[in-house]
Amino acid sequence: MDRKIKIEQHGGLGVLWMIGWLFTIGFLKFGFWKGVLALIVWPYFLGAHFAAITG
């Protein structure tokens, strides 16, 4: 049995995006629950917006 393992190395762009995301929430001075809500709901609105733009 010969198994091949494929390892992919992705860049750190996602980590940079998350740092920017948390900075933005802190900059807007959201409370804890508004911050949690922003982390959950805001990506949906971004996806819906850019899906409408790209067609």
PDB file of N, CA and C in Angstrom:
ATOM      1  N   MET A   1       0.842  -1.172   0.000  1.00  0.00           N
ATOM      2  CA  MET A   1       0.000   0.000   0.000  1.00  0.00           C
ATOM      3  C   MET A   1       0.894   1.244   0.000  1.00  0.00           C
ATOM      4  N   ASP A   2       0.850   1.962  -1.084  1.00  0.00           N
ATOM      5  CA  ASP A   2       1.690   3.149  -1.227  1.00  0.00           C
ATOM      6  C   ASP A   2       0.808   4.390  -1.149  1.00  0.00           C
ATOM      7  N   ARG A   3       0.921   5.111  -0.054  1.00  0.00           N
ATOM      8  CA  ARG A   3       0.108   6.315   0.138  1.00  0.00           C
ATOM      9  C   ARG A   3       0.961   7.538  -0.103  1.00  0.00           C
ATOM     10  N   LYS A   4       0.372   8.503  -0.740  1.00  0.00           N
ATOM     11  CA  LYS A   4       1.046   9.777  -0.939  1.00  0.00           C
ATOM     12  C   LYS A   4       0.365  10.821  -0.064  1.00  0.00           C
ATOM     13  N   ILE A   5       1.163  11.564   0.631  1.00  0.00           N
ATOM     14  CA  ILE A   5       0.649  12.628   1.485  1.00  0.00           C
ATOM     15  C   ILE A   5       0.990  13.951   0.826  1.00  0.00           C
ATOM     16  N   LYS A   6      -0.025  14.767   0.633  1.00  0.00           N
ATOM     17  CA  LYS A   6       0.181  16.062  -0.006  1.00  0.00           C
ATOM     18  C   LYS A   6       0.046  17.152   1.056  1.00  0.00           C
ATOM     19  N   ILE A   7       1.083  17.932   1.223  1.00  0.00           N
ATOM     20  CA  ILE A   7       1.080  19.027   2.186  1.00  0.00           C
ATOM     21  C   ILE A   7       1.108  20.335   1.423  1.00  0.00           C
ATOM     22  N   GLU A   8       0.151  21.203   1.713  1.00  0.00           N
ATOM     23  CA  GLU A   8       0.093  22.501   1.054  1.00  0.00           C
ATOM     24  C   GLU A   8       0.408  23.597   2.055  1.00  0.00           C
ATOM     25  N   GLN A   9       1.247  24.493   1.671  1.00  0.00           N
ATOM     26  CA  GLN A   9       1.600  25.641   2.502  1.00  0.00           C
ATOM     27  C   GLN A   9       0.885  26.870   1.939  1.00  0.00           C
ATOM     28  N   HIS A  10       0.015  27.453   2.723  1.00  0.00           N
ATOM     29  CA  HIS A  10      -0.689  28.649   2.294  1.00  0.00           C
ATOM     30  C   HIS A  10      -0.026  29.861   2.918  1.00  0.00           C
ATOM     31  N   GLY A  11      -0.172  30.973   2.273  1.00  0.00           N
ATOM     32  CA  GLY A  11       0.429  32.198   2.780  1.00  0.00           C
ATOM     33  C   GLY A  11      -0.256  32.710   4.028  1.00  0.00           C
ATOM     34  N   GLY A  12       0.325  33.730   4.610  1.00  0.00           N
ATOM     35  CA  GLY A  12      -0.208  34.292   5.841  1.00  0.00           C
ATOM     36  C   GLY A  12      -1.227  35.392   5.617  1.00  0.00           C
ATOM     37  N   LEU A  13      -1.813  35.448   4.421  1.00  0.00           N
ATOM     38  CA  LEU A  13      -2.764  36.517   4.122  1.00  0.00           C
ATOM     39  C   LEU A  13      -4.014  36.426   4.996  1.00  0.00           C
ATOM     40  N   GLY A  14      -4.457  35.225   5.309  1.00  0.00           N
ATOM     41  CA  GLY A  14      -5.631  35.062   6.172  1.00  0.00           C
ATOM     42  C   GLY A  14      -5.386  35.582   7.576  1.00  0.00           C
ATOM     43  N   VAL A  15      -4.178  35.359   8.080  1.00  0.00           N
ATOM     44  CA  VAL A  15      -3.827  35.854   9.413  1.00  0.00           C
ATOM     45  C   VAL A  15      -3.784  37.378   9.396  1.00  0.00           C
ATOM     46  N   LEU A  16      -3.225  37.935   8.350  1.00  0.00           N
ATOM     47  CA  LEU A  16      -3.181  39.396   8.218  1.00  0.00           C
ATOM     48  C   LEU A  16      -4.594  39.973   8.127  1.00  0.00           C
ATOM     49  N   TRP A  17      -5.472  39.298   7.403  1.00  0.00           N
ATOM     50  CA  TRP A  17      -6.859  39.745   7.279  1.00  0.00           C
ATOM     51  C   TRP A  17      -7.551  39.710   8.634  1.00  0.00           C
ATOM     52  N   MET A  18      -7.313  38.647   9.412  1.00  0.00           N
ATOM     53  CA  MET A  18      -7.946  38.532  10.729  1.00  0.00           C
ATOM     54  C   MET A  18      -7.435  39.604  11.681  1.00  0.00           C
ATOM     55  N   ILE A  19      -6.150  39.919  11.622  1.00  0.00           N
ATOM     56  CA  ILE A  19      -5.599  40.994  12.450  1.00  0.00           C
ATOM     57  C   ILE A  19      -6.257  42.319  12.096  1.00  0.00           C
ATOM     58  N   GLY A  20      -6.406  42.595  10.810  1.00  0.00           N
ATOM     59  CA  GLY A  20      -7.078  43.814  10.369  1.00  0.00           C
ATOM     60  C   GLY A  20      -8.534  43.855  10.801  1.00  0.00           C
ATOM     61  N   TRP A  21      -9.176  42.698  10.751  1.00  0.00           N
ATOM     62  CA  TRP A  21     -10.579  42.588  11.163  1.00  0.00           C
ATOM     63  C   TRP A  21     -10.736  42.946  12.634  1.00  0.00           C
ATOM     64  N   LEU A  22      -9.888  42.362  13.473  1.00  0.00           N
ATOM     65  CA  LEU A  22      -9.964  42.630  14.906  1.00  0.00           C
ATOM     66  C   LEU A  22      -9.579  44.074  15.219  1.00  0.00           C
ATOM     67  N   PHE A  23      -8.620  44.625  14.476  1.00  0.00           N
ATOM     68  CA  PHE A  23      -8.258  46.027  14.658  1.00  0.00           C
ATOM     69  C   PHE A  23      -9.449  46.933  14.347  1.00  0.00           C
ATOM     70  N   THR A  24     -10.157  46.624  13.273  1.00  0.00           N
ATOM     71  CA  THR A  24     -11.312  47.437  12.880  1.00  0.00           C
ATOM     72  C   THR A  24     -12.394  47.393  13.952  1.00  0.00           C
ATOM     73  N   ILE A  25     -12.665  46.215  14.503  1.00  0.00           N
ATOM     74  CA  ILE A  25     -13.672  46.100  15.557  1.00  0.00           C
ATOM     75  C   ILE A  25     -13.242  46.900  16.782  1.00  0.00           C
ATOM     76  N   GLY A  26     -11.956  46.840  17.127  1.00  0.00           N
ATOM     77  CA  GLY A  26     -11.453  47.619  18.260  1.00  0.00           C
ATOM     78  C   GLY A  26     -11.485  49.109  17.985  1.00  0.00           C
ATOM     79  N   PHE A  27     -11.168  49.496  16.755  1.00  0.00           N
ATOM     80  CA  PHE A  27     -11.154  50.910  16.378  1.00  0.00           C
ATOM     81  C   PHE A  27     -12.551  51.516  16.452  1.00  0.00           C
ATOM     82  N   LEU A  28     -13.560  50.714  16.095  1.00  0.00           N
ATOM     83  CA  LEU A  28     -14.943  51.200  16.155  1.00  0.00           C
ATOM     84  C   LEU A  28     -15.495  51.202  17.580  1.00  0.00           C
ATOM     85  N   LYS A  29     -14.721  50.674  18.525  1.00  0.00           N
ATOM     86  CA  LYS A  29     -15.074  50.645  19.948  1.00  0.00           C
ATOM     87  C   LYS A  29     -16.394  49.916  20.211  1.00  0.00           C
ATOM     88  N   PHE A  30     -16.542  48.763  19.538  1.00  0.00           N
ATOM     89  CA  PHE A  30     -17.705  47.928  19.804  1.00  0.00           C
ATOM     90  C   PHE A  30     -17.558  47.294  21.176  1.00  0.00           C
ATOM     91  N   GLY A  31     -18.679  47.034  21.815  1.00  0.00           N
ATOM     92  CA  GLY A  31     -18.662  46.251  23.041  1.00  0.00           C
ATOM     93  C   GLY A  31     -18.421  44.785  22.703  1.00  0.00           C
ATOM     94  N   PHE A  32     -18.383  43.948  23.711  1.00  0.00           N
ATOM     95  CA  PHE A  32     -18.083  42.536  23.485  1.00  0.00           C
ATOM     96  C   PHE A  32     -19.105  41.875  22.573  1.00  0.00           C
ATOM     97  N   TRP A  33     -20.387  42.022  22.872  1.00  0.00           N
ATOM     98  CA  TRP A  33     -21.421  41.327  22.096  1.00  0.00           C
ATOM     99  C   TRP A  33     -21.561  41.898  20.700  1.00  0.00           C
ATOM    100  N   LYS A  34     -21.382  43.206  20.545  1.00  0.00           N
ATOM    101  CA  LYS A  34     -21.407  43.776  19.198  1.00  0.00           C
ATOM    102  C   LYS A  34     -20.207  43.296  18.390  1.00  0.00           C
ATOM    103  N   GLY A  35     -19.069  43.119  19.059  1.00  0.00           N
ATOM    104  CA  GLY A  35     -17.888  42.579  18.395  1.00  0.00           C
ATOM    105  C   GLY A  35     -18.096  41.145  17.934  1.00  0.00           C
ATOM    106  N   VAL A  36     -18.705  40.329  18.788  1.00  0.00           N
ATOM    107  CA  VAL A  36     -19.007  38.944  18.417  1.00  0.00           C
ATOM    108  C   VAL A  36     -19.984  38.916  17.254  1.00  0.00           C
ATOM    109  N   LEU A  37     -20.997  39.750  17.312  1.00  0.00           N
ATOM    110  CA  LEU A  37     -21.971  39.828  16.227  1.00  0.00           C
ATOM    111  C   LEU A  37     -21.303  40.277  14.927  1.00  0.00           C
ATOM    112  N   ALA A  38     -20.384  41.229  15.016  1.00  0.00           N
ATOM    113  CA  ALA A  38     -19.668  41.694  13.830  1.00  0.00           C
ATOM    114  C   ALA A  38     -18.822  40.576  13.226  1.00  0.00           C
ATOM    115  N   LEU A  39     -18.206  39.743  14.056  1.00  0.00           N
ATOM    116  CA  LEU A  39     -17.402  38.631  13.549  1.00  0.00           C
ATOM    117  C   LEU A  39     -18.256  37.590  12.840  1.00  0.00           C
ATOM    118  N   ILE A  40     -19.516  37.454  13.247  1.00  0.00           N
ATOM    119  CA  ILE A  40     -20.382  36.423  12.681  1.00  0.00           C
ATOM    120  C   ILE A  40     -21.166  36.943  11.476  1.00  0.00           C
ATOM    121  N   VAL A  41     -21.751  38.122  11.584  1.00  0.00           N
ATOM    122  CA  VAL A  41     -22.690  38.606  10.574  1.00  0.00           C
ATOM    123  C   VAL A  41     -21.993  39.348   9.434  1.00  0.00           C
ATOM    124  N   TRP A  42     -20.956  40.107   9.733  1.00  0.00           N
ATOM    125  CA  TRP A  42     -20.344  40.967   8.729  1.00  0.00           C
ATOM    126  C   TRP A  42     -19.787  40.198   7.529  1.00  0.00           C
ATOM    127  N   PRO A  43     -19.154  39.020   7.704  1.00  0.00           N
ATOM    128  CA  PRO A  43     -18.687  38.282   6.517  1.00  0.00           C
ATOM    129  C   PRO A  43     -19.820  37.915   5.562  1.00  0.00           C
ATOM    130  N   TYR A  44     -21.016  37.661   6.095  1.00  0.00           N
ATOM    131  CA  TYR A  44     -22.159  37.378   5.222  1.00  0.00           C
ATOM    132  C   TYR A  44     -22.476  38.577   4.344  1.00  0.00           C
ATOM    133  N   PHE A  45     -22.518  39.757   4.941  1.00  0.00           N
ATOM    134  CA  PHE A  45     -22.827  40.954   4.175  1.00  0.00           C
ATOM    135  C   PHE A  45     -21.738  41.274   3.155  1.00  0.00           C
ATOM    136  N   LEU A  46     -20.481  41.043   3.509  1.00  0.00           N
ATOM    137  CA  LEU A  46     -19.398  41.225   2.543  1.00  0.00           C
ATOM    138  C   LEU A  46     -19.555  40.264   1.368  1.00  0.00           C
ATOM    139  N   GLY A  47     -19.844  39.000   1.663  1.00  0.00           N
ATOM    140  CA  GLY A  47     -20.019  38.014   0.599  1.00  0.00           C
ATOM    141  C   GLY A  47     -21.200  38.345  -0.298  1.00  0.00           C
ATOM    142  N   ALA A  48     -22.310  38.762   0.286  1.00  0.00           N
ATOM    143  CA  ALA A  48     -23.483  39.123  -0.502  1.00  0.00           C
ATOM    144  C   ALA A  48     -23.207  40.342  -1.378  1.00  0.00           C
ATOM    145  N   HIS A  49     -22.471  41.301  -0.844  1.00  0.00           N
ATOM    146  CA  HIS A  49     -22.151  42.503  -1.595  1.00  0.00           C
ATOM    147  C   HIS A  49     -21.256  42.189  -2.788  1.00  0.00           C
ATOM    148  N   PHE A  50     -20.176  41.446  -2.548  1.00  0.00           N
ATOM    149  CA  PHE A  50     -19.237  41.170  -3.623  1.00  0.00           C
ATOM    150  C   PHE A  50     -19.792  40.142  -4.619  1.00  0.00           C
ATOM    151  N   ALA A  51     -20.700  39.274  -4.193  1.00  0.00           N
ATOM    152  CA  ALA A  51     -21.334  38.359  -5.124  1.00  0.00           C
ATOM    153  C   ALA A  51     -22.226  39.125  -6.088  1.00  0.00           C
ATOM    154  N   ALA A  52     -22.894  40.167  -5.595  1.00  0.00           N
ATOM    155  CA  ALA A  52     -23.736  40.975  -6.465  1.00  0.00           C
ATOM    156  C   ALA A  52     -22.899  41.773  -7.466  1.00  0.00           C
ATOM    157  N   ILE A  53     -21.740  42.219  -7.040  1.00  0.00           N
ATOM    158  CA  ILE A  53     -20.862  42.998  -7.926  1.00  0.00           C
ATOM    159  C   ILE A  53     -20.262  42.110  -9.027  1.00  0.00           C
ATOM    160  N   THR A  54     -19.778  40.927  -8.634  1.00  0.00           N
ATOM    161  CA  THR A  54     -19.103  40.060  -9.600  1.00  0.00           C
ATOM    162  C   THR A  54     -20.059  39.314 -10.502  1.00  0.00           C
ATOM    163  N   GLY A  55     -21.321  39.325 -10.175  1.00  0.00           N
ATOM    164  CA  GLY A  55     -22.293  38.773 -11.088  1.00  0.00           C
ATOM    165  C   GLY A  55     -22.840  37.473 -10.661  1.00  0.00           C
TER     166      GLY A  55
END
